[in-house]
Protein backbone atom coordinates (compact mmCIF):
# COMPACT_ATOMS: atom_id res chain seq x y z
CA MET A 1 -4.48 -27.75 19.17
CA HIS A 2 -2.02 -25.96 16.91
CA ASP A 3 -1.80 -27.29 13.37
CA HIS A 4 1.91 -27.75 12.71
CA SER A 5 1.21 -28.08 9.01
CA SER A 6 1.07 -24.27 9.01
CA GLU A 7 4.86 -24.34 9.30
CA THR A 8 5.04 -25.53 5.69
CA ARG A 9 2.68 -22.86 4.39
CA PRO A 10 3.85 -19.35 3.52
CA LEU A 11 1.47 -17.66 6.00
CA ASP A 12 -1.46 -19.06 7.88
CA ALA A 13 -5.00 -17.98 7.02
CA ASP A 14 -5.73 -16.32 10.36
CA LEU A 15 -2.66 -14.12 10.09
CA VAL A 16 -3.53 -13.18 6.51
CA SER A 17 -6.94 -12.06 7.75
CA GLU A 18 -5.32 -9.99 10.50
CA LEU A 19 -3.09 -8.28 7.98
CA LEU A 20 -5.89 -7.45 5.57
CA LEU A 21 -8.39 -6.31 8.18
CA GLY A 22 -6.11 -3.37 8.94
CA MET A 23 -5.53 -2.49 5.29
CA ARG A 24 -6.40 0.97 4.02
CA LEU A 25 -6.12 1.39 0.25
CA VAL A 26 -8.19 4.27 -1.06
CA GLY A 27 -7.79 6.15 -4.31
CA ILE A 28 -7.57 9.90 -3.81
CA ASP A 29 -6.80 11.13 -7.32
CA TYR A 30 -7.55 9.43 -10.64
CA ARG A 31 -6.71 10.27 -14.27
CA ARG A 32 -7.91 8.85 -17.55
CA ILE A 33 -5.12 9.54 -20.04
CA GLU A 34 -5.01 9.42 -23.85
CA LEU A 35 -1.59 9.67 -25.48
CA ALA A 36 -0.16 9.46 -28.97
CA GLU A 37 3.22 7.84 -29.62
CA PRO A 38 5.94 8.78 -29.04
CA PHE A 39 5.60 10.01 -25.46
CA SER A 40 7.52 10.12 -22.20
CA HIS A 41 5.97 11.44 -18.97
CA SER A 42 7.21 11.37 -15.40
CA PHE A 43 4.77 10.73 -12.59
CA GLY A 44 5.27 11.13 -8.86
CA GLY A 45 8.30 12.34 -6.94
CA ASP A 46 10.98 10.56 -4.93
CA ASP A 47 9.52 12.11 -1.78
CA ASP A 48 5.91 11.17 -2.63
CA PRO A 49 4.96 8.15 -0.46
CA ARG A 50 1.52 7.65 -2.00
CA ALA A 51 0.97 4.36 -3.82
CA LYS A 52 0.46 4.56 -7.58
CA PHE A 53 -1.76 2.38 -9.76
CA VAL A 54 -1.56 2.13 -13.55
CA PHE A 55 -3.92 0.27 -15.90
CA ILE A 56 -3.48 -0.01 -19.69
CA ALA A 57 -6.78 -0.03 -21.58
CA ARG A 58 -5.38 0.26 -25.11
CA GLY A 59 -1.92 0.09 -26.64
CA GLN A 60 1.31 -0.59 -24.80
CA ILE A 61 3.78 1.35 -22.65
CA ALA A 62 7.04 0.99 -20.77
CA LEU A 63 6.75 1.72 -17.06
CA ILE A 64 10.22 2.76 -15.90
CA THR A 65 10.87 3.05 -12.18
CA SER A 66 13.33 5.32 -10.37
CA SER A 67 15.66 2.32 -9.99
CA GLY A 68 15.79 1.98 -13.79
CA ALA A 69 13.74 -1.22 -13.98
CA VAL A 70 11.62 -1.44 -17.14
CA HIS A 71 8.17 -3.08 -17.11
CA ASP A 72 6.60 -3.56 -20.52
CA MET A 73 2.83 -3.35 -20.20
CA ALA A 74 0.14 -4.06 -22.80
CA ALA A 75 -3.63 -3.67 -22.94
CA GLY A 76 -5.26 -5.35 -19.93
CA ASP A 77 -2.17 -5.05 -17.72
CA ALA A 78 -2.23 -3.31 -14.35
CA ALA A 79 0.51 -2.54 -11.83
CA LEU A 80 0.66 -1.19 -8.29
CA LEU A 81 3.64 0.76 -6.95
CA PRO A 82 2.94 0.35 -3.23
CA ARG A 83 5.77 2.55 -1.96
CA GLY A 84 5.09 5.43 -4.30
CA GLY A 85 8.11 7.37 -5.49
CA SER A 86 8.77 8.48 -9.04
CA HIS A 87 8.34 6.58 -12.27
CA ARG A 88 8.05 7.26 -15.97
CA LEU A 89 5.45 6.22 -18.55
CA ALA A 90 6.95 6.03 -22.04
CA SER A 91 6.04 4.60 -25.42
CA SER A 92 9.39 2.76 -25.31
CA PRO A 93 12.36 2.59 -22.93
CA GLU A 94 14.72 4.20 -25.45
CA ASN A 95 12.51 7.16 -26.17
CA PRO A 96 14.11 10.24 -27.74
CA VAL A 97 11.12 12.41 -26.72
CA PRO A 98 11.87 14.81 -23.87
CA CYS A 99 10.30 13.70 -20.61
CA THR A 100 7.60 15.97 -19.19
CA ASP A 101 5.82 15.87 -15.86
CA LEU A 102 2.39 14.29 -16.29
CA THR A 103 0.88 16.56 -13.64
CA THR A 104 1.74 19.66 -15.70
CA LEU A 105 -0.45 18.59 -18.63
CA PRO A 106 -3.86 20.24 -19.01
CA THR A 107 -6.68 18.28 -17.39
CA ALA A 108 -10.46 18.37 -17.59
CA PRO A 109 -12.71 17.21 -14.73
CA ILE A 110 -14.94 14.22 -15.45
CA CYS A 111 -16.36 13.79 -11.96
CA PRO A 112 -15.11 14.39 -8.40
CA GLN A 113 -11.57 12.95 -8.00
CA VAL A 114 -11.35 11.91 -11.68
CA ARG A 115 -9.78 14.08 -14.37
CA GLU A 116 -8.92 13.47 -18.01
CA ILE A 117 -5.72 14.20 -19.94
CA ARG A 118 -5.67 14.22 -23.73
CA THR A 119 -2.59 15.16 -25.71
CA CYS A 120 -3.55 13.60 -29.04
CA GLU A 121 -6.65 15.21 -30.56
CA ALA A 122 -5.17 14.86 -34.07
CA THR A 123 -4.61 11.10 -33.65
CA PRO A 124 -7.42 8.66 -34.58
CA PRO A 125 -8.98 7.20 -31.40
CA GLU A 126 -8.04 3.62 -32.30
CA LYS A 127 -4.35 4.59 -32.43
CA ARG A 128 -4.26 6.34 -29.07
CA VAL A 129 -2.78 4.74 -25.97
CA VAL A 130 -5.38 4.82 -23.20
CA LEU A 131 -4.37 4.58 -19.52
CA PHE A 132 -6.08 4.92 -16.20
CA SER A 133 -3.88 5.95 -13.28
CA ALA A 134 -4.44 6.64 -9.60
CA CYS A 135 -2.67 7.99 -6.56
CA MET A 136 -3.66 5.94 -3.54
CA ASP A 137 -3.59 6.36 0.19
CA PHE A 138 -2.14 3.01 1.27
CA ASP A 139 -1.57 1.83 4.80
CA LEU A 140 -1.61 -1.59 6.45
CA GLY A 141 -2.45 -0.14 9.84
CA SER A 142 -0.41 -1.68 12.60
CA MET A 143 1.22 -4.01 10.05
CA HIS A 144 2.60 -1.05 8.09
CA PRO A 145 6.21 -2.39 8.09
CA LEU A 146 5.06 -4.80 5.39
CA VAL A 147 4.78 -1.93 2.89
CA ALA A 148 8.54 -1.35 2.96
CA LEU A 149 9.06 -5.04 2.17
CA MET A 150 6.84 -5.04 -0.89
CA PRO A 151 8.33 -5.07 -4.39
CA GLU A 152 8.84 -1.76 -6.14
CA VAL A 153 6.23 -2.81 -8.73
CA MET A 154 3.50 -5.43 -8.23
CA ARG A 155 2.18 -6.72 -11.57
CA VAL A 156 -1.32 -8.11 -11.96
CA ASP A 157 -0.29 -10.36 -14.86
CA THR A 158 1.67 -12.53 -12.43
CA LEU A 159 -1.55 -13.27 -10.51
CA THR A 160 -4.22 -14.01 -13.10
CA GLU A 161 -3.48 -17.74 -13.36
CA ARG A 162 -3.77 -18.24 -9.60
CA TYR A 163 -6.56 -15.66 -9.15
CA PRO A 164 -8.70 -15.85 -12.33
CA GLU A 165 -11.44 -13.76 -10.70
CA ILE A 166 -9.29 -10.69 -11.41
CA LEU A 167 -9.66 -11.11 -15.19
CA PRO A 168 -13.33 -9.98 -15.46
CA MET A 169 -12.48 -6.86 -13.48
CA LEU A 170 -9.60 -6.02 -15.84
CA GLU A 171 -11.86 -6.61 -18.85
CA ALA A 172 -14.52 -4.33 -17.32
CA MET A 173 -11.89 -1.62 -16.73
CA ALA A 174 -10.78 -1.83 -20.36
CA ARG A 175 -14.37 -1.49 -21.62
CA GLU A 176 -15.17 1.45 -19.35
CA ALA A 177 -11.92 3.28 -20.16
CA LYS A 178 -12.34 2.89 -23.94
CA ASP A 179 -16.11 3.27 -24.38
CA GLY A 180 -16.69 6.29 -22.15
CA ARG A 181 -20.28 5.35 -21.26
CA ALA A 182 -22.30 7.36 -18.76
CA GLY A 183 -20.82 7.10 -15.27
CA TYR A 184 -17.69 5.33 -16.50
CA ALA A 185 -15.27 7.44 -14.44
CA GLY A 186 -16.85 6.48 -11.13
CA ILE A 187 -16.97 2.82 -12.11
CA LEU A 188 -13.33 2.90 -13.23
CA SER A 189 -12.17 4.43 -9.96
CA ARG A 190 -13.99 1.78 -7.90
CA LEU A 191 -12.61 -1.03 -10.04
CA ALA A 192 -9.10 0.39 -9.71
CA ASP A 193 -9.42 0.33 -5.91
CA VAL A 194 -10.62 -3.29 -5.94
CA VAL A 195 -7.93 -4.52 -8.37
CA ALA A 196 -5.19 -2.79 -6.35
CA ALA A 197 -6.52 -4.42 -3.15
CA CYS A 198 -6.56 -7.81 -4.89
CA ILE A 199 -2.91 -7.36 -5.87
CA VAL A 200 -1.97 -6.69 -2.23
CA ARG A 201 -4.08 -9.57 -0.93
CA ALA A 202 -2.52 -11.99 -3.41
CA TRP A 203 0.99 -10.93 -2.35
CA VAL A 204 0.13 -11.48 1.31
CA GLU A 205 -1.60 -14.82 0.67
CA CYS A 206 1.41 -16.04 -1.31
CA GLY A 207 3.64 -15.45 1.70
CA CYS A 208 4.75 -11.90 0.92
CA GLY A 209 6.95 -12.85 -1.99
CA ASP A 210 10.65 -13.16 -1.26
CA ALA A 211 10.63 -10.67 1.62
CA THR A 212 13.03 -11.64 4.39
CA GLY A 213 13.91 -10.35 7.85
CA TRP A 214 10.83 -9.01 9.61
CA ILE A 215 8.53 -11.24 7.57
CA ALA A 216 10.23 -14.29 9.09
CA ALA A 217 8.28 -13.55 12.27
CA LEU A 218 5.06 -14.04 10.35
CA ARG A 219 6.28 -17.31 8.90
CA ASP A 220 7.22 -18.65 12.32
CA PRO A 221 3.95 -20.14 13.68
CA ARG A 222 4.84 -19.45 17.32
CA LEU A 223 6.03 -15.89 16.74
CA GLY A 224 3.05 -15.35 14.46
CA ARG A 225 0.75 -16.00 17.41
CA VAL A 226 2.59 -13.32 19.41
CA LEU A 227 2.25 -10.76 16.62
CA VAL A 228 -1.46 -11.47 16.23
CA ALA A 229 -1.94 -11.02 19.99
CA LEU A 230 -0.07 -7.69 19.96
CA HIS A 231 -1.95 -6.34 16.98
CA ARG A 232 -5.33 -7.41 18.31
CA ASP A 233 -4.82 -5.69 21.65
CA PRO A 234 -2.15 -2.95 21.32
CA GLY A 235 -3.43 -1.09 24.40
CA ARG A 236 -2.86 -3.98 26.80
CA ASN A 237 -0.06 -3.61 29.32
CA TRP A 238 1.97 -6.45 27.81
CA SER A 239 4.98 -7.86 29.63
CA VAL A 240 7.74 -9.93 28.10
CA ALA A 241 6.64 -12.84 30.32
CA GLU A 242 3.08 -12.70 28.90
CA LEU A 243 4.34 -12.59 25.34
CA ALA A 244 6.67 -15.51 26.04
CA ARG A 245 3.65 -17.51 27.23
CA GLU A 246 1.84 -16.69 23.97
CA MET A 247 4.80 -18.19 22.13
CA GLY A 248 5.07 -21.13 24.53
CA ALA A 249 8.70 -20.43 25.42
CA SER A 250 10.76 -19.11 28.29
CA ARG A 251 11.34 -15.36 28.57
CA SER A 252 14.96 -15.64 27.49
CA VAL A 253 14.26 -17.91 24.52
CA PHE A 254 11.34 -15.72 23.39
CA ALA A 255 13.24 -12.43 23.74
CA GLU A 256 16.26 -13.80 21.89
CA ARG A 257 14.16 -15.24 19.07
CA PHE A 258 12.05 -12.09 18.70
CA LEU A 259 15.12 -9.85 18.51
CA GLU A 260 16.84 -12.21 16.08
CA VAL A 261 13.89 -12.23 13.69
CA THR A 262 12.50 -8.70 13.90
CA GLY A 263 15.66 -6.76 14.76
CA VAL A 264 14.03 -5.04 17.74
CA THR A 265 13.03 -6.04 21.28
CA PRO A 266 9.38 -7.04 21.90
CA LEU A 267 8.62 -3.89 23.88
CA ARG A 268 10.28 -1.66 21.27
CA TYR A 269 8.18 -3.37 18.60
CA LEU A 270 5.04 -2.76 20.67
CA THR A 271 5.88 0.91 21.20
CA GLU A 272 6.60 1.50 17.51
CA MET A 273 3.35 -0.20 16.55
CA ARG A 274 1.41 1.94 19.03
CA MET A 275 2.92 5.14 17.67
CA ARG A 276 2.04 4.19 14.09
CA LEU A 277 -1.53 3.60 15.18
CA ALA A 278 -1.60 6.85 17.13
CA ALA A 279 -0.28 8.86 14.18
CA ASP A 280 -2.97 7.29 11.99
CA TRP A 281 -5.77 7.98 14.48
CA ILE A 282 -4.69 11.56 15.11
CA GLY A 283 -3.76 12.46 11.54
CA ARG A 284 -6.43 10.62 9.54
CA GLU A 285 -9.34 10.35 11.95
CA GLY A 286 -8.87 13.51 13.99
CA ILE A 287 -8.89 11.67 17.33
CA ALA A 288 -7.70 13.74 20.28
CA VAL A 289 -4.19 13.04 21.58
CA GLU A 290 -5.60 12.26 25.03
CA THR A 291 -8.02 9.71 23.55
CA ALA A 292 -5.26 8.02 21.55
CA ALA A 293 -3.08 7.83 24.67
CA HIS A 294 -5.89 6.19 26.64
CA ARG A 295 -6.67 3.67 23.89
CA LEU A 296 -3.04 2.61 23.78
CA GLY A 297 -2.73 2.02 27.50
CA TYR A 298 -0.87 5.15 28.60
CA GLY A 299 -1.75 6.47 32.05
CA SER A 300 -1.16 10.08 31.08
CA GLN A 301 -0.97 12.20 27.97
CA ALA A 302 2.50 13.34 29.02
CA ALA A 303 3.85 9.77 29.10
CA PHE A 304 2.31 9.07 25.71
CA SER A 305 3.75 12.29 24.22
CA ARG A 306 7.25 11.40 25.46
CA ALA A 307 7.01 7.94 23.88
CA PHE A 308 5.63 9.41 20.65
CA LYS A 309 8.49 11.90 20.35
CA ARG A 310 11.08 9.22 21.18
CA ILE A 311 9.83 7.01 18.35
CA THR A 312 8.85 9.56 15.69
CA GLY A 313 11.21 12.43 16.48
CA HIS A 314 8.43 14.97 17.00
CA PRO A 315 5.53 15.50 19.42
CA PRO A 316 1.96 14.48 18.54
CA SER A 317 1.02 18.16 18.61
CA ARG A 318 2.81 18.56 15.26
CA ILE A 319 0.25 16.21 13.66
CA VAL A 320 -2.59 18.10 15.30
CA SER A 321 -1.29 21.46 14.08
CA SER A 322 -1.08 20.16 10.50
CA LEU A 323 -4.74 19.10 10.40
CA PRO A 324 -7.06 21.29 8.30
CA ALA A 325 -9.24 23.66 10.28
CA GLN A 326 -12.81 22.46 10.81
CA LEU A 327 -15.50 24.65 9.24
């Protein structure tokens, strides 16, 4: 029997699990950075969709986003920028120092995927600002629309009271970043991945913040059941009547409610979700187009390719052609 008390909760536990099971958050490029004040460095571009993670091990900085929002961060603070884009790291918001691109500074490899930037050899170590940053490959799988609804910046300091288990990880990151013990770069990168995942999980568990629109479907217990069913079995030949039964409503009531909340029809939603999955399978995992079409319930590769182009604007062959050649 359905527990109607879930209607008073932000999101129910089963749906949270469904969201997080499909989550992909993997660091692909890390930097340990030592800076001397004053400084101002840009990081990322407006067309760069990769998530960014920043941790402050020593000192304090101003993280300034492309929208102009200023986030003052001190030692022990971490932030995730889930939608990527450009931002600036500065010693203060009103910094007279010319801004330079962080990626143009000389780097030295520490280990695979981790490099170090030092611009302050003449400054005593205790007076240097020490950061650890990462570019991350972030996807929520079939629930990817949630990424667009996330805040521009997700701060860890808003979570530590509710999730105290994050604190030891932040303390460990600070020690590793400052002490430079053997193997510290690998440990730092793994901790960064875990802390970033904890930030996302906390946002989802808390009901996805103040996000509105599409997220209302997840907060509606009956529509939530429909979404879980779709995401669990995207290759099934779903009909509107079957989805209405999942919701426990008539076809007309279900279709009207679904469109009202999500902004698209149920079958359009299903098709868009399938194409996101297909793009991920083909682009990230190297699955053949024919295999992806079969998994998603298409009777022929041609029918799948037409649907893919209708939704994405280009054929699946474009993804295939962009894949690196296999040695």
